C-alpha atoms as a PDB file:
ATOM      1  CA  UNK A   1      -3.452  16.496 -15.253  1.00  0.00           C
ATOM      2  CA  UNK A   2      -5.210  13.633 -13.717  1.00  0.00           C
ATOM      3  CA  UNK A   3      -7.044  10.945 -15.849  1.00  0.00           C
ATOM      4  CA  UNK A   4     -10.074   9.246 -14.048  1.00  0.00           C
ATOM      5  CA  UNK A   5     -10.907   5.860 -14.112  1.00  0.00           C
ATOM      6  CA  UNK A   6     -14.808   5.188 -14.139  1.00  0.00           C
ATOM      7  CA  UNK A   7     -15.121   1.586 -13.262  1.00  0.00           C
ATOM      8  CA  UNK A   8     -18.483   0.395 -14.833  1.00  0.00           C
ATOM      9  CA  UNK A   9     -20.383  -2.665 -13.870  1.00  0.00           C
ATOM     10  CA  UNK A  10     -18.589  -4.523 -16.905  1.00  0.00           C
ATOM     11  CA  UNK A  11     -15.179  -3.440 -15.234  1.00  0.00           C
ATOM     12  CA  UNK A  12     -13.838  -1.492 -18.183  1.00  0.00           C
ATOM     13  CA  UNK A  13     -11.008  -0.350 -16.868  1.00  0.00           C
ATOM     14  CA  UNK A  14      -8.942   2.752 -17.803  1.00  0.00           C
ATOM     15  CA  UNK A  15      -5.354   3.735 -16.459  1.00  0.00           C
ATOM     16  CA  UNK A  16      -5.114   6.885 -14.095  1.00  0.00           C
ATOM     17  CA  UNK A  17      -1.974   8.931 -14.038  1.00  0.00           C
ATOM     18  CA  UNK A  18      -0.694   8.359 -10.760  1.00  0.00           C
ATOM     19  CA  UNK A  19      -0.063  11.468  -8.361  1.00  0.00           C
ATOM     20  CA  UNK A  20       0.144  11.820  -4.556  1.00  0.00           C
ATOM     21  CA  UNK A  21      -2.888  13.190  -3.174  1.00  0.00           C
ATOM     22  CA  UNK A  22      -3.636  14.562   0.313  1.00  0.00           C
ATOM     23  CA  UNK A  23      -5.772  12.635   2.690  1.00  0.00           C
ATOM     24  CA  UNK A  24      -8.096  15.773   2.754  1.00  0.00           C
ATOM     25  CA  UNK A  25      -9.476  15.257  -0.916  1.00  0.00           C
ATOM     26  CA  UNK A  26      -9.530  11.773  -1.109  1.00  0.00           C
ATOM     27  CA  UNK A  27     -10.271   8.054   0.683  1.00  0.00           C
ATOM     28  CA  UNK A  28      -7.278   5.922   1.492  1.00  0.00           C
ATOM     29  CA  UNK A  29      -7.821   2.394   1.400  1.00  0.00           C
ATOM     30  CA  UNK A  30      -5.315  -0.307   2.331  1.00  0.00           C
ATOM     31  CA  UNK A  31      -6.495  -3.839   2.466  1.00  0.00           C
ATOM     32  CA  UNK A  32      -3.595  -4.843   5.086  1.00  0.00           C
ATOM     33  CA  UNK A  33      -4.860  -2.138   7.330  1.00  0.00           C
ATOM     34  CA  UNK A  34      -9.008  -2.747   7.096  1.00  0.00           C
ATOM     35  CA  UNK A  35     -11.470  -5.361   5.722  1.00  0.00           C
ATOM     36  CA  UNK A  36     -14.116  -2.606   4.694  1.00  0.00           C
ATOM     37  CA  UNK A  37     -14.186   0.677   3.075  1.00  0.00           C
ATOM     38  CA  UNK A  38     -16.800   3.428   1.859  1.00  0.00           C
ATOM     39  CA  UNK A  39     -16.647   6.224  -0.731  1.00  0.00           C
ATOM     40  CA  UNK A  40     -18.969   8.190  -2.910  1.00  0.00           C
ATOM     41  CA  UNK A  41     -19.112   7.867  -6.546  1.00  0.00           C
ATOM     42  CA  UNK A  42     -16.555  10.212  -8.104  1.00  0.00           C
ATOM     43  CA  UNK A  43     -14.466  10.355  -4.836  1.00  0.00           C
ATOM     44  CA  UNK A  44     -10.551   9.865  -5.484  1.00  0.00           C
ATOM     45  CA  UNK A  45      -9.971   6.378  -4.067  1.00  0.00           C
ATOM     46  CA  UNK A  46      -6.291   5.954  -3.306  1.00  0.00           C
ATOM     47  CA  UNK A  47      -5.342   2.020  -3.321  1.00  0.00           C
ATOM     48  CA  UNK A  48      -2.746   2.083  -0.846  1.00  0.00           C
ATOM     49  CA  UNK A  49       0.089  -0.308   0.645  1.00  0.00           C
ATOM     50  CA  UNK A  50       2.931   0.247   3.198  1.00  0.00           C
ATOM     51  CA  UNK A  51       6.164  -0.553   4.644  1.00  0.00           C
ATOM     52  CA  UNK A  52       7.972   0.234   8.015  1.00  0.00           C
ATOM     53  CA  UNK A  53      11.528  -0.284   8.464  1.00  0.00           C
ATOM     54  CA  UNK A  54      13.946   0.842  11.491  1.00  0.00           C
ATOM     55  CA  UNK A  55      15.964   2.989   9.010  1.00  0.00           C
ATOM     56  CA  UNK A  56      15.241   5.784   6.133  1.00  0.00           C
ATOM     57  CA  UNK A  57      17.657   3.775   4.029  1.00  0.00           C
ATOM     58  CA  UNK A  58      15.964   0.272   4.598  1.00  0.00           C
ATOM     59  CA  UNK A  59      12.547   1.763   3.624  1.00  0.00           C
ATOM     60  CA  UNK A  60      14.125   3.508   0.445  1.00  0.00           C
ATOM     61  CA  UNK A  61      15.253  -0.163  -0.561  1.00  0.00           C
ATOM     62  CA  UNK A  62      12.184  -1.421   0.102  1.00  0.00           C
ATOM     63  CA  UNK A  63      10.379   0.991  -2.687  1.00  0.00           C
ATOM     64  CA  UNK A  64      13.210  -0.235  -5.218  1.00  0.00           C
ATOM     65  CA  UNK A  65      12.520  -3.873  -4.469  1.00  0.00           C
ATOM     66  CA  UNK A  66       8.698  -4.055  -4.095  1.00  0.00           C
ATOM     67  CA  UNK A  67       6.335  -5.005  -6.567  1.00  0.00           C
ATOM     68  CA  UNK A  68       2.621  -4.401  -6.107  1.00  0.00           C
ATOM     69  CA  UNK A  69      -0.380  -6.135  -7.993  1.00  0.00           C
ATOM     70  CA  UNK A  70      -4.068  -5.298  -7.740  1.00  0.00           C
ATOM     71  CA  UNK A  71      -7.246  -7.009  -8.505  1.00  0.00           C
ATOM     72  CA  UNK A  72     -10.961  -5.332  -8.673  1.00  0.00           C
ATOM     73  CA  UNK A  73     -13.280  -8.110  -8.449  1.00  0.00           C
ATOM     74  CA  UNK A  74     -10.955 -10.646  -9.617  1.00  0.00           C
ATOM     75  CA  UNK A  75      -9.647  -8.882 -12.657  1.00  0.00           C
ATOM     76  CA  UNK A  76      -6.162  -7.506 -13.131  1.00  0.00           C
ATOM     77  CA  UNK A  77      -6.035  -3.853 -12.231  1.00  0.00           C
ATOM     78  CA  UNK A  78      -2.796  -2.305 -13.577  1.00  0.00           C
ATOM     79  CA  UNK A  79      -1.015   0.227 -11.428  1.00  0.00           C
ATOM     80  CA  UNK A  80       2.143   1.830 -10.779  1.00  0.00           C
ATOM     81  CA  UNK A  81       2.238   3.186  -7.156  1.00  0.00           C
ATOM     82  CA  UNK A  82       4.003   6.285  -6.335  1.00  0.00           C
ATOM     83  CA  UNK A  83       5.950   5.876  -3.002  1.00  0.00           C
ATOM     84  CA  UNK A  84       5.698   8.558  -0.659  1.00  0.00           C
ATOM     85  CA  UNK A  85       8.834   9.622   0.964  1.00  0.00           C
ATOM     86  CA  UNK A  86       9.594   7.728   4.107  1.00  0.00           C
ATOM     87  CA  UNK A  87       8.634   9.680   7.169  1.00  0.00           C
ATOM     88  CA  UNK A  88       9.424   9.001  10.732  1.00  0.00           C
ATOM     89  CA  UNK A  89       7.011   7.382  13.264  1.00  0.00           C
ATOM     90  CA  UNK A  90       7.401   6.320  16.618  1.00  0.00           C
ATOM     91  CA  UNK A  91       7.898   2.662  16.972  1.00  0.00           C
ATOM     92  CA  UNK A  92       4.901   0.543  18.505  1.00  0.00           C
ATOM     93  CA  UNK A  93       7.422  -2.052  19.882  1.00  0.00           C
ATOM     94  CA  UNK A  94      10.679  -0.189  20.615  1.00  0.00           C
ATOM     95  CA  UNK A  95      12.510  -3.705  20.877  1.00  0.00           C
ATOM     96  CA  UNK A  96      11.334  -4.695  17.263  1.00  0.00           C
ATOM     97  CA  UNK A  97      14.597  -2.397  16.118  1.00  0.00           C
ATOM     98  CA  UNK A  98      17.789  -4.300  16.597  1.00  0.00           C
ATOM     99  CA  UNK A  99      19.677  -0.728  17.058  1.00  0.00           C
ATOM    100  CA  UNK A 100      17.284   0.045  19.630  1.00  0.00           C
ATOM    101  CA  UNK A 101      15.968   3.070  18.339  1.00  0.00           C
ATOM    102  CA  UNK A 102      12.402   4.433  19.121  1.00  0.00           C
ATOM    103  CA  UNK A 103      11.930   5.883  15.575  1.00  0.00           C
ATOM    104  CA  UNK A 104      10.850   3.844  12.725  1.00  0.00           C
ATOM    105  CA  UNK A 105      10.248   4.722   8.885  1.00  0.00           C
ATOM    106  CA  UNK A 106       7.129   4.196   6.974  1.00  0.00           C
ATOM    107  CA  UNK A 107       6.465   4.764   3.165  1.00  0.00           C
ATOM    108  CA  UNK A 108       3.472   4.287   1.266  1.00  0.00           C
ATOM    109  CA  UNK A 109       2.630   2.947  -2.225  1.00  0.00           C
ATOM    110  CA  UNK A 110      -0.239   5.091  -3.432  1.00  0.00           C
ATOM    111  CA  UNK A 111      -2.337   4.916  -6.909  1.00  0.00           C
ATOM    112  CA  UNK A 112      -5.641   7.266  -7.025  1.00  0.00           C
ATOM    113  CA  UNK A 113      -8.349   6.178  -8.955  1.00  0.00           C
ATOM    114  CA  UNK A 114     -12.249   6.561  -9.017  1.00  0.00           C
ATOM    115  CA  UNK A 115     -14.787   4.121  -8.857  1.00  0.00           C
ATOM    116  CA  UNK A 116     -18.382   4.018  -9.954  1.00  0.00           C
ATOM    117  CA  UNK A 117     -21.123   3.096  -7.418  1.00  0.00           C
ATOM    118  CA  UNK A 118     -21.309  -0.276  -6.364  1.00  0.00           C
ATOM    119  CA  UNK A 119     -19.588  -2.980  -4.095  1.00  0.00           C
ATOM    120  CA  UNK A 120     -15.940  -4.250  -4.988  1.00  0.00           C
ATOM    121  CA  UNK A 121     -13.690  -6.523  -3.728  1.00  0.00           C
ATOM    122  CA  UNK A 122     -10.340  -4.806  -3.888  1.00  0.00           C
ATOM    123  CA  UNK A 123      -7.445  -7.365  -3.525  1.00  0.00           C
ATOM    124  CA  UNK A 124      -3.499  -6.831  -3.421  1.00  0.00           C
ATOM    125  CA  UNK A 125      -0.454  -8.618  -3.545  1.00  0.00           C
ATOM    126  CA  UNK A 126       2.857  -7.322  -2.574  1.00  0.00           C
ATOM    127  CA  UNK A 127       6.415  -8.863  -2.839  1.00  0.00           C
ATOM    128  CA  UNK A 128      10.034  -7.865  -3.301  1.00  0.00           C
ATOM    129  CA  UNK A 129      12.259  -9.130  -6.143  1.00  0.00           C
ATOM    130  CA  UNK A 130      15.021 -10.296  -3.388  1.00  0.00           C
ATOM    131  CA  UNK A 131      14.938 -10.655   0.130  1.00  0.00           C
ATOM    132  CA  UNK A 132      15.436  -7.508   2.429  1.00  0.00           C
ATOM    133  CA  UNK A 133      15.516  -6.616   6.147  1.00  0.00           C
ATOM    134  CA  UNK A 134      13.526  -3.989   8.031  1.00  0.00           C
ATOM    135  CA  UNK A 135      15.909  -4.147  10.999  1.00  0.00           C
ATOM    136  CA  UNK A 136      13.976  -6.244  13.191  1.00  0.00           C
ATOM    137  CA  UNK A 137      14.996  -9.665  14.760  1.00  0.00           C
ATOM    138  CA  UNK A 138      11.397 -11.182  15.230  1.00  0.00           C
ATOM    139  CA  UNK A 139      12.594 -14.595  15.526  1.00  0.00           C
ATOM    140  CA  UNK A 140      14.847 -13.970  18.260  1.00  0.00           C
ATOM    141  CA  UNK A 141      18.161 -15.312  16.604  1.00  0.00           C
ATOM    142  CA  UNK A 142      20.240 -12.010  16.856  1.00  0.00           C
ATOM    143  CA  UNK A 143      20.273 -11.434  12.935  1.00  0.00           C
ATOM    144  CA  UNK A 144      17.998  -9.256  10.968  1.00  0.00           C
ATOM    145  CA  UNK A 145      15.036 -11.206   9.541  1.00  0.00           C
ATOM    146  CA  UNK A 146      14.794 -11.131   5.771  1.00  0.00           C
ATOM    147  CA  UNK A 147      11.369 -10.412   4.045  1.00  0.00           C
ATOM    148  CA  UNK A 148      10.311 -11.173   0.473  1.00  0.00           C
ATOM    149  CA  UNK A 149       6.400 -11.866   0.520  1.00  0.00           C
ATOM    150  CA  UNK A 150       4.167 -12.256  -1.052  1.00  0.00           C
ATOM    151  CA  UNK A 151       1.608 -10.784   1.196  1.00  0.00           C
ATOM    152  CA  UNK A 152      -1.782 -10.721   0.202  1.00  0.00           C
ATOM    153  CA  UNK A 153      -4.992  -8.971   1.432  1.00  0.00           C
ATOM    154  CA  UNK A 154      -8.241  -7.766   0.601  1.00  0.00           C
ATOM    155  CA  UNK A 155     -10.959  -5.496   1.401  1.00  0.00           C
ATOM    156  CA  UNK A 156     -14.644  -4.707   0.606  1.00  0.00           C
ATOM    157  CA  UNK A 157     -15.124  -1.480  -0.814  1.00  0.00           C
ATOM    158  CA  UNK A 158     -18.939   0.179  -0.859  1.00  0.00           C
ATOM    159  CA  UNK A 159     -19.101   3.079  -3.315  1.00  0.00           C
ATOM    160  CA  UNK A 160     -22.464   5.320  -2.702  1.00  0.00           C
END
C-alpha cells in the first residue's frame, strides 16, 4: 500500500513508499529532460532521473553506484529511488558506443509522491560513488570515458 505525501505551503514533508508506477496513472517529471511540468493536486508525480549506457551491464553498474538527492523549493526531500530494469533503446548517435552497437540501454530511478496545489521548484543532483563508463568515447581518445558527476538540474512544477 502506498503512503502519500501532502506537500503543504509550510513544506511539511512525509515519506512515501517508492513503488514503480505506470505512465498511465502518473505524471513523470525529470529535471534533466524538462524545465517545466504541470500536474493536478492529488496526481501521482513520479520524480525521475535516468541513465543510458551501451550495455545492460553498464546500466546495472550505474544503478548500484548512483546517488540521487532531491529538493523541493530548496528544502531537502529524502527519497530512495527505485531503479527500473534496463530497457533497450535505439542509439541516437550510433558512433557513441565504442562497440558500434546500435542498441543502448536505459534505466530510470523513480520515486512517486503527491503535491498540493501550488508552484514548486523541484531540484535534483545525481552522482556516482566511483567513476564508471557508459561505453562511449566522447572525447575521441580511444578509451571509454568515465563519469562521476555531480549532475544538477531543476524544473518548475505547477500543480493545479
